Amino acid sequence: MSSTEHIVSHLHRDDIASRMGMWLFLFTELLLFGGMFILYSVYRYNNPDAFHLAAKELDTIIGTFNTAILLTSSLTMALSIAAIQRNNKSLSIFFQLMTVVLALGFMINKYFEWGVKFHYGIYPGSEKLLSKPTGEILFYGLYYVMTGLHGLHVLIGIGLILLMTYYTAKDIITYDNYMKLESAGLYWHLVDIIWIFLFPLFYLIT
């Protein structure tokens, strides 16, 4: 790309507006999950014993491991942005791919965790679940909806980061034009933060 083309390609950039747009989108995501957290709190307040009993059926070790995976993925995502800011394209791509690998690890663990529940007949609408007290039914309903919606966000994040990796490889994302990668990083950090709230609510109920 010539210097003239490089200048022209930056004429229509508005990083401030892009950041504001991304933060606005993240705010709507917080409203979505915030509403569900409030709903969870109300149901838990009304059914404390049932929620405590149902939570014992979840695997705290897997939940803890998944928490460690997502926290590490936030670090690798931040390192990928730091690398591109230092004009280290290959290192940035490496950390982006590491983030994807960690995210896939999270989803694989979630797949097996859900698989065990389905194997024992504990899933929405199952006879075994419907035979339980109302509080436990509510707990598992919220568990599947909230962790499932979070899992969907993880999958979207994987696709988004892979797109950023492609952009980085093609020099669309560079050391002086990395707003897209930064926005993807903000989205990924939100996904991780949401899990930080989901983990204690479902796995560490006392």
N, C-alpha and C. Protein backbone atom coordinates (compact mmCIF):
# COMPACT_ATOMS: atom_id res chain seq x y z
N MET A 1 0.85 -1.19 0.00
CA MET A 1 0.00 0.00 0.00
C MET A 1 0.89 1.24 0.00
N SER A 2 0.61 2.20 -0.92
CA SER A 2 1.39 3.42 -0.98
C SER A 2 1.01 4.33 0.19
N SER A 3 1.85 5.36 0.41
CA SER A 3 1.58 6.27 1.51
C SER A 3 0.26 7.00 1.31
N THR A 4 -0.04 7.34 0.04
CA THR A 4 -1.30 8.04 -0.25
C THR A 4 -2.49 7.17 0.07
N GLU A 5 -2.44 5.89 -0.34
CA GLU A 5 -3.52 4.96 -0.07
C GLU A 5 -3.67 4.74 1.43
N HIS A 6 -2.54 4.72 2.12
CA HIS A 6 -2.56 4.51 3.57
C HIS A 6 -3.29 5.66 4.25
N ILE A 7 -3.03 6.88 3.79
CA ILE A 7 -3.68 8.06 4.37
C ILE A 7 -5.17 8.03 4.08
N VAL A 8 -5.54 7.69 2.84
CA VAL A 8 -6.94 7.65 2.45
C VAL A 8 -7.70 6.62 3.27
N SER A 9 -7.05 5.47 3.54
CA SER A 9 -7.71 4.39 4.28
C SER A 9 -8.02 4.81 5.71
N HIS A 10 -7.36 5.87 6.22
CA HIS A 10 -7.58 6.30 7.58
C HIS A 10 -8.50 7.53 7.67
N LEU A 11 -8.89 8.09 6.53
CA LEU A 11 -9.69 9.30 6.55
C LEU A 11 -11.04 9.10 7.22
N HIS A 12 -11.65 7.93 7.03
CA HIS A 12 -13.00 7.69 7.52
C HIS A 12 -13.01 6.96 8.86
N ARG A 13 -11.89 6.84 9.51
CA ARG A 13 -11.83 6.19 10.82
C ARG A 13 -12.30 7.15 11.91
N ASP A 14 -13.10 6.63 12.80
CA ASP A 14 -13.54 7.42 13.96
C ASP A 14 -13.49 6.48 15.16
N ASP A 15 -12.31 6.37 15.76
CA ASP A 15 -12.12 5.42 16.85
C ASP A 15 -12.97 5.74 18.06
N ILE A 16 -13.18 7.03 18.33
CA ILE A 16 -13.99 7.42 19.48
C ILE A 16 -15.42 6.94 19.31
N ALA A 17 -15.99 7.16 18.12
CA ALA A 17 -17.35 6.72 17.85
C ALA A 17 -17.45 5.20 17.90
N SER A 18 -16.41 4.53 17.40
CA SER A 18 -16.40 3.07 17.43
C SER A 18 -16.39 2.54 18.86
N ARG A 19 -15.58 3.16 19.69
CA ARG A 19 -15.53 2.75 21.10
C ARG A 19 -16.87 3.00 21.79
N MET A 20 -17.47 4.14 21.52
CA MET A 20 -18.77 4.46 22.13
C MET A 20 -19.83 3.47 21.69
N GLY A 21 -19.80 3.11 20.41
CA GLY A 21 -20.75 2.13 19.89
C GLY A 21 -20.57 0.77 20.55
N MET A 22 -19.32 0.38 20.75
CA MET A 22 -19.05 -0.91 21.38
C MET A 22 -19.48 -0.91 22.84
N TRP A 23 -19.20 0.17 23.55
CA TRP A 23 -19.61 0.25 24.95
C TRP A 23 -21.13 0.26 25.08
N LEU A 24 -21.81 0.89 24.12
CA LEU A 24 -23.28 0.88 24.13
C LEU A 24 -23.81 -0.54 23.94
N PHE A 25 -23.20 -1.26 23.02
CA PHE A 25 -23.60 -2.65 22.79
C PHE A 25 -23.36 -3.49 24.05
N LEU A 26 -22.21 -3.30 24.68
CA LEU A 26 -21.90 -4.06 25.89
C LEU A 26 -22.88 -3.72 27.01
N PHE A 27 -23.33 -2.48 27.04
CA PHE A 27 -24.31 -2.07 28.05
C PHE A 27 -25.63 -2.83 27.86
N THR A 28 -26.05 -3.02 26.62
CA THR A 28 -27.29 -3.77 26.37
C THR A 28 -27.12 -5.23 26.79
N GLU A 29 -25.92 -5.76 26.61
CA GLU A 29 -25.66 -7.13 27.06
C GLU A 29 -25.73 -7.22 28.58
N LEU A 30 -25.22 -6.22 29.26
CA LEU A 30 -25.29 -6.18 30.73
C LEU A 30 -26.74 -6.10 31.20
N LEU A 31 -27.56 -5.35 30.47
CA LEU A 31 -28.98 -5.27 30.82
C LEU A 31 -29.65 -6.63 30.69
N LEU A 32 -29.30 -7.36 29.63
CA LEU A 32 -29.87 -8.68 29.40
C LEU A 32 -29.54 -9.62 30.55
N PHE A 33 -28.26 -9.76 30.85
CA PHE A 33 -27.85 -10.67 31.91
C PHE A 33 -28.22 -10.12 33.29
N GLY A 34 -28.21 -8.79 33.44
CA GLY A 34 -28.61 -8.20 34.71
C GLY A 34 -30.03 -8.55 35.07
N GLY A 35 -30.91 -8.54 34.07
CA GLY A 35 -32.31 -8.92 34.30
C GLY A 35 -32.42 -10.36 34.78
N MET A 36 -31.61 -11.23 34.19
CA MET A 36 -31.65 -12.63 34.60
C MET A 36 -31.05 -12.83 35.99
N PHE A 37 -30.03 -12.03 36.32
CA PHE A 37 -29.46 -12.11 37.67
C PHE A 37 -30.49 -11.69 38.72
N ILE A 38 -31.28 -10.66 38.40
CA ILE A 38 -32.33 -10.22 39.32
C ILE A 38 -33.38 -11.31 39.47
N LEU A 39 -33.78 -11.92 38.35
CA LEU A 39 -34.76 -13.01 38.40
C LEU A 39 -34.23 -14.16 39.25
N TYR A 40 -32.95 -14.50 39.05
CA TYR A 40 -32.33 -15.55 39.84
C TYR A 40 -32.40 -15.21 41.33
N SER A 41 -32.08 -13.96 41.68
CA SER A 41 -32.05 -13.55 43.07
C SER A 41 -33.43 -13.69 43.73
N VAL A 42 -34.45 -13.32 42.98
CA VAL A 42 -35.82 -13.42 43.51
C VAL A 42 -36.19 -14.87 43.77
N TYR A 43 -35.95 -15.73 42.80
CA TYR A 43 -36.29 -17.14 42.96
C TYR A 43 -35.45 -17.80 44.06
N ARG A 44 -34.20 -17.42 44.14
CA ARG A 44 -33.36 -18.00 45.20
C ARG A 44 -33.82 -17.55 46.58
N TYR A 45 -34.23 -16.29 46.70
CA TYR A 45 -34.73 -15.78 47.97
C TYR A 45 -35.97 -16.55 48.41
N ASN A 46 -36.81 -16.90 47.45
CA ASN A 46 -38.05 -17.61 47.77
C ASN A 46 -37.85 -19.11 47.94
N ASN A 47 -36.74 -19.67 47.43
CA ASN A 47 -36.50 -21.12 47.50
C ASN A 47 -35.06 -21.42 47.90
N PRO A 48 -34.60 -20.91 49.05
CA PRO A 48 -33.18 -21.06 49.41
C PRO A 48 -32.76 -22.52 49.60
N ASP A 49 -33.57 -23.32 50.25
CA ASP A 49 -33.20 -24.71 50.51
C ASP A 49 -33.15 -25.54 49.23
N ALA A 50 -34.13 -25.34 48.37
CA ALA A 50 -34.18 -26.08 47.11
C ALA A 50 -33.01 -25.71 46.21
N PHE A 51 -32.64 -24.42 46.16
CA PHE A 51 -31.52 -23.99 45.36
C PHE A 51 -30.21 -24.58 45.89
N HIS A 52 -30.09 -24.61 47.20
CA HIS A 52 -28.89 -25.18 47.81
C HIS A 52 -28.78 -26.67 47.49
N LEU A 53 -29.88 -27.38 47.57
CA LEU A 53 -29.89 -28.82 47.29
C LEU A 53 -29.57 -29.09 45.82
N ALA A 54 -30.17 -28.32 44.92
CA ALA A 54 -29.94 -28.53 43.49
C ALA A 54 -28.49 -28.22 43.11
N ALA A 55 -27.90 -27.21 43.75
CA ALA A 55 -26.53 -26.82 43.41
C ALA A 55 -25.53 -27.92 43.74
N LYS A 56 -25.88 -28.79 44.69
CA LYS A 56 -24.99 -29.89 45.06
C LYS A 56 -24.80 -30.88 43.92
N GLU A 57 -25.73 -30.88 42.96
CA GLU A 57 -25.65 -31.79 41.82
C GLU A 57 -24.66 -31.30 40.76
N LEU A 58 -24.23 -30.04 40.86
CA LEU A 58 -23.29 -29.50 39.88
C LEU A 58 -21.86 -29.84 40.28
N ASP A 59 -20.99 -29.95 39.28
CA ASP A 59 -19.59 -30.31 39.51
C ASP A 59 -18.76 -29.04 39.74
N THR A 60 -18.43 -28.78 41.00
CA THR A 60 -17.68 -27.57 41.34
C THR A 60 -16.29 -27.58 40.73
N ILE A 61 -15.69 -28.76 40.59
CA ILE A 61 -14.33 -28.85 40.03
C ILE A 61 -14.33 -28.38 38.58
N ILE A 62 -15.31 -28.87 37.80
CA ILE A 62 -15.39 -28.44 36.40
C ILE A 62 -15.67 -26.95 36.32
N GLY A 63 -16.56 -26.46 37.19
CA GLY A 63 -16.85 -25.03 37.21
C GLY A 63 -15.63 -24.20 37.53
N THR A 64 -14.84 -24.66 38.48
CA THR A 64 -13.60 -23.95 38.85
C THR A 64 -12.59 -23.98 37.70
N PHE A 65 -12.48 -25.14 37.06
CA PHE A 65 -11.55 -25.28 35.94
C PHE A 65 -11.95 -24.35 34.80
N ASN A 66 -13.25 -24.28 34.52
CA ASN A 66 -13.72 -23.41 33.45
C ASN A 66 -13.48 -21.94 33.79
N THR A 67 -13.59 -21.61 35.07
CA THR A 67 -13.31 -20.23 35.49
C THR A 67 -11.85 -19.89 35.22
N ALA A 68 -10.95 -20.81 35.57
CA ALA A 68 -9.52 -20.59 35.33
C ALA A 68 -9.23 -20.46 33.83
N ILE A 69 -9.92 -21.26 33.02
CA ILE A 69 -9.73 -21.20 31.56
C ILE A 69 -10.11 -19.83 31.03
N LEU A 70 -11.28 -19.33 31.44
CA LEU A 70 -11.74 -18.04 30.92
C LEU A 70 -10.88 -16.88 31.42
N LEU A 71 -10.44 -16.95 32.66
CA LEU A 71 -9.55 -15.89 33.16
C LEU A 71 -8.25 -15.87 32.38
N THR A 72 -7.73 -17.05 32.06
CA THR A 72 -6.51 -17.13 31.26
C THR A 72 -6.74 -16.60 29.85
N SER A 73 -7.93 -16.89 29.31
CA SER A 73 -8.24 -16.42 27.95
C SER A 73 -8.34 -14.89 27.90
N SER A 74 -8.80 -14.28 28.98
CA SER A 74 -8.82 -12.81 29.03
C SER A 74 -7.40 -12.26 28.98
N LEU A 75 -6.49 -12.95 29.67
CA LEU A 75 -5.09 -12.54 29.65
C LEU A 75 -4.50 -12.65 28.25
N THR A 76 -4.73 -13.78 27.58
CA THR A 76 -4.17 -13.96 26.23
C THR A 76 -4.77 -12.96 25.25
N MET A 77 -6.05 -12.62 25.45
CA MET A 77 -6.67 -11.62 24.57
C MET A 77 -6.02 -10.26 24.78
N ALA A 78 -5.77 -9.90 26.03
CA ALA A 78 -5.12 -8.62 26.32
C ALA A 78 -3.69 -8.61 25.77
N LEU A 79 -3.01 -9.73 25.86
CA LEU A 79 -1.64 -9.82 25.34
C LEU A 79 -1.61 -9.70 23.82
N SER A 80 -2.66 -10.19 23.16
CA SER A 80 -2.70 -10.07 21.69
C SER A 80 -2.81 -8.61 21.27
N ILE A 81 -3.57 -7.83 22.03
CA ILE A 81 -3.70 -6.40 21.73
C ILE A 81 -2.39 -5.68 22.01
N ALA A 82 -1.77 -6.02 23.14
CA ALA A 82 -0.47 -5.41 23.48
C ALA A 82 0.58 -5.73 22.42
N ALA A 83 0.53 -6.95 21.88
CA ALA A 83 1.51 -7.35 20.87
C ALA A 83 1.34 -6.56 19.58
N ILE A 84 0.09 -6.37 19.14
CA ILE A 84 -0.12 -5.63 17.88
C ILE A 84 0.23 -4.16 18.08
N GLN A 85 0.04 -3.63 19.29
CA GLN A 85 0.43 -2.24 19.55
C GLN A 85 1.94 -2.06 19.43
N ARG A 86 2.67 -3.15 19.69
CA ARG A 86 4.13 -3.12 19.56
C ARG A 86 4.58 -3.58 18.17
N ASN A 87 3.61 -3.68 17.26
CA ASN A 87 3.87 -4.07 15.88
C ASN A 87 4.44 -5.48 15.77
N ASN A 88 4.03 -6.35 16.69
CA ASN A 88 4.44 -7.76 16.65
C ASN A 88 3.26 -8.58 16.17
N LYS A 89 3.12 -8.65 14.86
CA LYS A 89 1.97 -9.29 14.24
C LYS A 89 1.89 -10.78 14.58
N SER A 90 2.98 -11.49 14.45
CA SER A 90 2.96 -12.95 14.67
C SER A 90 2.61 -13.29 16.11
N LEU A 91 3.12 -12.51 17.07
CA LEU A 91 2.81 -12.77 18.47
C LEU A 91 1.34 -12.49 18.76
N SER A 92 0.82 -11.44 18.15
CA SER A 92 -0.59 -11.12 18.33
C SER A 92 -1.48 -12.25 17.81
N ILE A 93 -1.16 -12.76 16.65
CA ILE A 93 -1.92 -13.88 16.08
C ILE A 93 -1.83 -15.10 16.99
N PHE A 94 -0.65 -15.36 17.52
CA PHE A 94 -0.47 -16.50 18.43
C PHE A 94 -1.39 -16.38 19.65
N PHE A 95 -1.43 -15.21 20.26
CA PHE A 95 -2.26 -15.04 21.45
C PHE A 95 -3.75 -15.07 21.11
N GLN A 96 -4.11 -14.58 19.92
CA GLN A 96 -5.51 -14.67 19.50
C GLN A 96 -5.92 -16.13 19.36
N LEU A 97 -5.06 -16.93 18.73
CA LEU A 97 -5.37 -18.35 18.56
C LEU A 97 -5.38 -19.08 19.90
N MET A 98 -4.52 -18.68 20.82
CA MET A 98 -4.53 -19.26 22.16
C MET A 98 -5.86 -18.97 22.85
N THR A 99 -6.37 -17.77 22.65
CA THR A 99 -7.67 -17.41 23.24
C THR A 99 -8.77 -18.32 22.68
N VAL A 100 -8.72 -18.58 21.40
CA VAL A 100 -9.71 -19.46 20.76
C VAL A 100 -9.60 -20.88 21.32
N VAL A 101 -8.37 -21.37 21.47
CA VAL A 101 -8.16 -22.73 22.01
C VAL A 101 -8.73 -22.83 23.42
N LEU A 102 -8.48 -21.83 24.24
CA LEU A 102 -9.01 -21.83 25.61
C LEU A 102 -10.53 -21.78 25.61
N ALA A 103 -11.09 -20.97 24.71
CA ALA A 103 -12.55 -20.88 24.61
C ALA A 103 -13.16 -22.22 24.20
N LEU A 104 -12.51 -22.89 23.27
CA LEU A 104 -12.99 -24.22 22.85
C LEU A 104 -12.89 -25.21 24.02
N GLY A 105 -11.83 -25.09 24.81
CA GLY A 105 -11.70 -25.94 26.00
C GLY A 105 -12.85 -25.72 26.96
N PHE A 106 -13.23 -24.46 27.13
CA PHE A 106 -14.37 -24.14 27.99
C PHE A 106 -15.63 -24.81 27.47
N MET A 107 -15.88 -24.72 26.16
CA MET A 107 -17.10 -25.28 25.59
C MET A 107 -17.09 -26.81 25.66
N ILE A 108 -15.95 -27.42 25.49
CA ILE A 108 -15.86 -28.88 25.59
C ILE A 108 -16.21 -29.33 27.02
N ASN A 109 -15.67 -28.64 28.00
CA ASN A 109 -16.01 -28.95 29.39
C ASN A 109 -17.50 -28.78 29.65
N LYS A 110 -18.06 -27.70 29.11
CA LYS A 110 -19.49 -27.45 29.29
C LYS A 110 -20.33 -28.53 28.61
N TYR A 111 -19.86 -28.98 27.46
CA TYR A 111 -20.57 -30.06 26.74
C TYR A 111 -20.64 -31.33 27.59
N PHE A 112 -19.51 -31.71 28.18
CA PHE A 112 -19.49 -32.91 29.00
C PHE A 112 -20.30 -32.72 30.28
N GLU A 113 -20.26 -31.53 30.84
CA GLU A 113 -21.03 -31.26 32.05
C GLU A 113 -22.53 -31.38 31.78
N TRP A 114 -22.98 -30.75 30.70
CA TRP A 114 -24.38 -30.87 30.32
C TRP A 114 -24.73 -32.31 29.96
N GLY A 115 -23.78 -33.00 29.31
CA GLY A 115 -24.02 -34.38 28.91
C GLY A 115 -24.31 -35.28 30.09
N VAL A 116 -23.59 -35.08 31.18
CA VAL A 116 -23.83 -35.88 32.40
C VAL A 116 -25.23 -35.63 32.93
N LYS A 117 -25.64 -34.36 32.95
CA LYS A 117 -26.98 -34.02 33.43
C LYS A 117 -28.05 -34.66 32.55
N PHE A 118 -27.87 -34.60 31.25
CA PHE A 118 -28.84 -35.21 30.34
C PHE A 118 -28.87 -36.72 30.52
N HIS A 119 -27.70 -37.31 30.77
CA HIS A 119 -27.62 -38.77 30.96
C HIS A 119 -28.45 -39.21 32.16
N TYR A 120 -28.45 -38.40 33.20
CA TYR A 120 -29.21 -38.73 34.41
C TYR A 120 -30.64 -38.18 34.37
N GLY A 121 -31.03 -37.66 33.23
CA GLY A 121 -32.41 -37.21 33.06
C GLY A 121 -32.73 -35.87 33.69
N ILE A 122 -31.71 -35.07 33.96
CA ILE A 122 -31.94 -33.74 34.54
C ILE A 122 -31.79 -32.70 33.45
N TYR A 123 -32.87 -32.41 32.77
CA TYR A 123 -32.88 -31.39 31.73
C TYR A 123 -34.30 -30.84 31.62
N PRO A 124 -34.47 -29.66 31.05
CA PRO A 124 -35.79 -29.03 31.00
C PRO A 124 -36.85 -29.93 30.38
N GLY A 125 -37.95 -30.11 31.11
CA GLY A 125 -39.06 -30.90 30.60
C GLY A 125 -38.97 -32.39 30.88
N SER A 126 -37.86 -32.85 31.44
CA SER A 126 -37.72 -34.28 31.71
C SER A 126 -38.60 -34.70 32.88
N GLU A 127 -39.04 -35.97 32.89
CA GLU A 127 -39.89 -36.47 33.96
C GLU A 127 -39.18 -36.41 35.31
N LYS A 128 -37.88 -36.73 35.30
CA LYS A 128 -37.13 -36.72 36.56
C LYS A 128 -37.06 -35.32 37.14
N LEU A 129 -36.82 -34.33 36.30
CA LEU A 129 -36.73 -32.96 36.80
C LEU A 129 -38.09 -32.46 37.26
N LEU A 130 -39.13 -32.78 36.50
CA LEU A 130 -40.47 -32.31 36.85
C LEU A 130 -41.00 -32.95 38.12
N SER A 131 -40.41 -34.07 38.52
CA SER A 131 -40.84 -34.73 39.75
C SER A 131 -40.21 -34.09 40.99
N LYS A 132 -39.26 -33.19 40.79
CA LYS A 132 -38.58 -32.54 41.90
C LYS A 132 -39.39 -31.34 42.40
N PRO A 133 -39.04 -30.81 43.57
CA PRO A 133 -39.74 -29.62 44.10
C PRO A 133 -39.61 -28.43 43.14
N THR A 134 -40.54 -27.52 43.26
CA THR A 134 -40.58 -26.36 42.36
C THR A 134 -39.28 -25.57 42.37
N GLY A 135 -38.69 -25.42 43.56
CA GLY A 135 -37.45 -24.66 43.67
C GLY A 135 -36.32 -25.25 42.85
N GLU A 136 -36.21 -26.58 42.84
CA GLU A 136 -35.16 -27.24 42.06
C GLU A 136 -35.43 -27.11 40.57
N ILE A 137 -36.70 -27.18 40.20
CA ILE A 137 -37.05 -27.00 38.78
C ILE A 137 -36.65 -25.60 38.32
N LEU A 138 -36.93 -24.61 39.16
CA LEU A 138 -36.56 -23.23 38.83
C LEU A 138 -35.05 -23.08 38.73
N PHE A 139 -34.33 -23.73 39.66
CA PHE A 139 -32.87 -23.64 39.65
C PHE A 139 -32.31 -24.16 38.33
N TYR A 140 -32.75 -25.35 37.93
CA TYR A 140 -32.19 -25.94 36.71
C TYR A 140 -32.67 -25.21 35.46
N GLY A 141 -33.88 -24.65 35.52
CA GLY A 141 -34.34 -23.85 34.40
C GLY A 141 -33.43 -22.65 34.18
N LEU A 142 -33.12 -21.96 35.28
CA LEU A 142 -32.21 -20.81 35.20
C LEU A 142 -30.80 -21.25 34.82
N TYR A 143 -30.38 -22.38 35.34
CA TYR A 143 -29.04 -22.90 35.04
C TYR A 143 -28.86 -23.12 33.54
N TYR A 144 -29.82 -23.80 32.93
CA TYR A 144 -29.70 -24.10 31.50
C TYR A 144 -29.84 -22.84 30.64
N VAL A 145 -30.76 -21.96 31.01
CA VAL A 145 -30.96 -20.75 30.21
C VAL A 145 -29.75 -19.82 30.30
N MET A 146 -29.28 -19.58 31.52
CA MET A 146 -28.21 -18.60 31.71
C MET A 146 -26.85 -19.12 31.25
N THR A 147 -26.52 -20.37 31.58
CA THR A 147 -25.24 -20.91 31.10
C THR A 147 -25.30 -21.20 29.61
N GLY A 148 -26.50 -21.53 29.11
CA GLY A 148 -26.65 -21.76 27.67
C GLY A 148 -26.47 -20.47 26.89
N LEU A 149 -27.08 -19.39 27.38
CA LEU A 149 -26.93 -18.10 26.71
C LEU A 149 -25.48 -17.62 26.78
N HIS A 150 -24.85 -17.88 27.91
CA HIS A 150 -23.43 -17.53 28.02
C HIS A 150 -22.60 -18.34 27.04
N GLY A 151 -22.91 -19.63 26.92
CA GLY A 151 -22.20 -20.48 25.96
C GLY A 151 -22.35 -19.98 24.54
N LEU A 152 -23.55 -19.48 24.20
CA LEU A 152 -23.77 -18.90 22.88
C LEU A 152 -22.87 -17.69 22.67
N HIS A 153 -22.72 -16.89 23.69
CA HIS A 153 -21.83 -15.73 23.59
C HIS A 153 -20.37 -16.16 23.42
N VAL A 154 -20.00 -17.27 24.06
CA VAL A 154 -18.64 -17.79 23.89
C VAL A 154 -18.42 -18.20 22.44
N LEU A 155 -19.40 -18.89 21.85
CA LEU A 155 -19.28 -19.31 20.44
C LEU A 155 -19.18 -18.11 19.51
N ILE A 156 -19.99 -17.09 19.78
CA ILE A 156 -19.90 -15.86 18.97
C ILE A 156 -18.53 -15.23 19.12
N GLY A 157 -18.02 -15.24 20.36
CA GLY A 157 -16.69 -14.69 20.61
C GLY A 157 -15.61 -15.44 19.86
N ILE A 158 -15.73 -16.76 19.79
CA ILE A 158 -14.75 -17.56 19.04
C ILE A 158 -14.74 -17.14 17.57
N GLY A 159 -15.92 -17.03 16.99
CA GLY A 159 -16.00 -16.61 15.60
C GLY A 159 -15.44 -15.21 15.39
N LEU A 160 -15.72 -14.32 16.33
CA LEU A 160 -15.24 -12.94 16.23
C LEU A 160 -13.72 -12.88 16.31
N ILE A 161 -13.14 -13.63 17.24
CA ILE A 161 -11.68 -13.61 17.39
C ILE A 161 -11.00 -14.24 16.18
N LEU A 162 -11.59 -15.29 15.63
CA LEU A 162 -11.02 -15.89 14.42
C LEU A 162 -11.05 -14.90 13.26
N LEU A 163 -12.11 -14.10 13.19
CA LEU A 163 -12.18 -13.06 12.16
C LEU A 163 -11.08 -12.03 12.38
N MET A 164 -10.84 -11.67 13.64
CA MET A 164 -9.77 -10.72 13.96
C MET A 164 -8.40 -11.30 13.60
N THR A 165 -8.25 -12.60 13.80
CA THR A 165 -6.99 -13.26 13.42
C THR A 165 -6.77 -13.16 11.92
N TYR A 166 -7.83 -13.37 11.15
CA TYR A 166 -7.75 -13.24 9.70
C TYR A 166 -7.38 -11.80 9.31
N TYR A 167 -8.04 -10.83 9.95
CA TYR A 167 -7.75 -9.42 9.67
C TYR A 167 -6.30 -9.08 10.01
N THR A 168 -5.81 -9.64 11.11
CA THR A 168 -4.43 -9.37 11.50
C THR A 168 -3.45 -9.95 10.48
N ALA A 169 -3.74 -11.18 10.04
CA ALA A 169 -2.88 -11.83 9.06
C ALA A 169 -2.85 -11.07 7.73
N LYS A 170 -3.99 -10.44 7.39
CA LYS A 170 -4.09 -9.71 6.12
C LYS A 170 -3.72 -8.23 6.26
N ASP A 171 -3.19 -7.86 7.42
CA ASP A 171 -2.76 -6.48 7.69
C ASP A 171 -3.91 -5.48 7.65
N ILE A 172 -5.13 -5.95 7.87
CA ILE A 172 -6.25 -5.02 8.06
C ILE A 172 -6.19 -4.45 9.46
N ILE A 173 -5.76 -5.30 10.40
CA ILE A 173 -5.46 -4.85 11.75
C ILE A 173 -3.95 -4.68 11.85
N THR A 174 -3.52 -3.49 12.22
CA THR A 174 -2.09 -3.19 12.30
C THR A 174 -1.80 -2.43 13.60
N TYR A 175 -0.54 -2.11 13.81
CA TYR A 175 -0.14 -1.43 15.04
C TYR A 175 -0.77 -0.06 15.19
N ASP A 176 -1.16 0.57 14.08
CA ASP A 176 -1.78 1.89 14.14
C ASP A 176 -3.26 1.86 13.75
N ASN A 177 -3.82 0.65 13.66
CA ASN A 177 -5.24 0.50 13.33
C ASN A 177 -5.74 -0.82 13.90
N TYR A 178 -5.92 -0.85 15.22
CA TYR A 178 -6.29 -2.09 15.90
C TYR A 178 -7.63 -1.97 16.65
N MET A 179 -8.46 -1.00 16.25
CA MET A 179 -9.72 -0.77 16.95
C MET A 179 -10.63 -2.00 16.92
N LYS A 180 -10.63 -2.69 15.78
CA LYS A 180 -11.48 -3.89 15.67
C LYS A 180 -11.05 -4.94 16.68
N LEU A 181 -9.76 -5.15 16.81
CA LEU A 181 -9.25 -6.13 17.77
C LEU A 181 -9.55 -5.70 19.20
N GLU A 182 -9.43 -4.42 19.46
CA GLU A 182 -9.72 -3.91 20.80
C GLU A 182 -11.19 -4.11 21.15
N SER A 183 -12.08 -3.89 20.18
CA SER A 183 -13.51 -4.09 20.41
C SER A 183 -13.82 -5.57 20.67
N ALA A 184 -13.16 -6.45 19.89
CA ALA A 184 -13.34 -7.88 20.12
C ALA A 184 -12.86 -8.26 21.51
N GLY A 185 -11.77 -7.62 21.95
CA GLY A 185 -11.25 -7.87 23.28
C GLY A 185 -12.23 -7.44 24.36
N LEU A 186 -12.87 -6.29 24.18
CA LEU A 186 -13.87 -5.82 25.14
C LEU A 186 -15.03 -6.80 25.23
N TYR A 187 -15.47 -7.28 24.08
CA TYR A 187 -16.56 -8.26 24.08
C TYR A 187 -16.15 -9.51 24.84
N TRP A 188 -14.92 -9.98 24.59
CA TRP A 188 -14.46 -11.20 25.25
C TRP A 188 -14.33 -11.02 26.75
N HIS A 189 -13.88 -9.86 27.18
CA HIS A 189 -13.77 -9.59 28.62
C HIS A 189 -15.15 -9.59 29.26
N LEU A 190 -16.16 -9.08 28.54
CA LEU A 190 -17.53 -9.11 29.06
C LEU A 190 -18.01 -10.54 29.25
N VAL A 191 -17.72 -11.40 28.26
CA VAL A 191 -18.09 -12.81 28.37
C VAL A 191 -17.47 -13.43 29.61
N ASP A 192 -16.22 -13.11 29.87
CA ASP A 192 -15.53 -13.64 31.04
C ASP A 192 -16.13 -13.11 32.34
N ILE A 193 -16.44 -11.82 32.36
CA ILE A 193 -17.01 -11.21 33.57
C ILE A 193 -18.36 -11.83 33.90
N ILE A 194 -19.17 -12.08 32.89
CA ILE A 194 -20.48 -12.70 33.12
C ILE A 194 -20.30 -14.06 33.77
N TRP A 195 -19.31 -14.83 33.30
CA TRP A 195 -19.07 -16.14 33.91
C TRP A 195 -18.61 -16.01 35.36
N ILE A 196 -17.86 -14.97 35.67
CA ILE A 196 -17.39 -14.74 37.04
C ILE A 196 -18.59 -14.61 37.99
N PHE A 197 -19.70 -14.08 37.47
CA PHE A 197 -20.92 -14.00 38.28
C PHE A 197 -21.70 -15.31 38.26
N LEU A 198 -21.75 -15.96 37.13
CA LEU A 198 -22.50 -17.22 37.02
C LEU A 198 -21.90 -18.32 37.90
N PHE A 199 -20.58 -18.38 37.94
CA PHE A 199 -19.92 -19.45 38.68
C PHE A 199 -20.33 -19.52 40.15
N PRO A 200 -20.19 -18.44 40.91
CA PRO A 200 -20.60 -18.54 42.33
C PRO A 200 -22.11 -18.71 42.52
N LEU A 201 -22.91 -18.11 41.63
CA LEU A 201 -24.36 -18.20 41.78
C LEU A 201 -24.85 -19.64 41.66
N PHE A 202 -24.27 -20.41 40.76
CA PHE A 202 -24.74 -21.77 40.54
C PHE A 202 -23.90 -22.85 41.24
N TYR A 203 -22.61 -22.62 41.34
CA TYR A 203 -21.71 -23.67 41.84
C TYR A 203 -21.33 -23.52 43.30
N LEU A 204 -21.42 -22.32 43.84
CA LEU A 204 -20.92 -22.07 45.19
C LEU A 204 -22.01 -21.64 46.16
N ILE A 205 -23.24 -22.02 45.88
CA ILE A 205 -24.36 -21.64 46.76
C ILE A 205 -24.17 -22.28 48.13
N THR A 206 -24.34 -21.48 49.17
CA THR A 206 -24.25 -22.01 50.53
C THR A 206 -25.55 -21.75 51.29
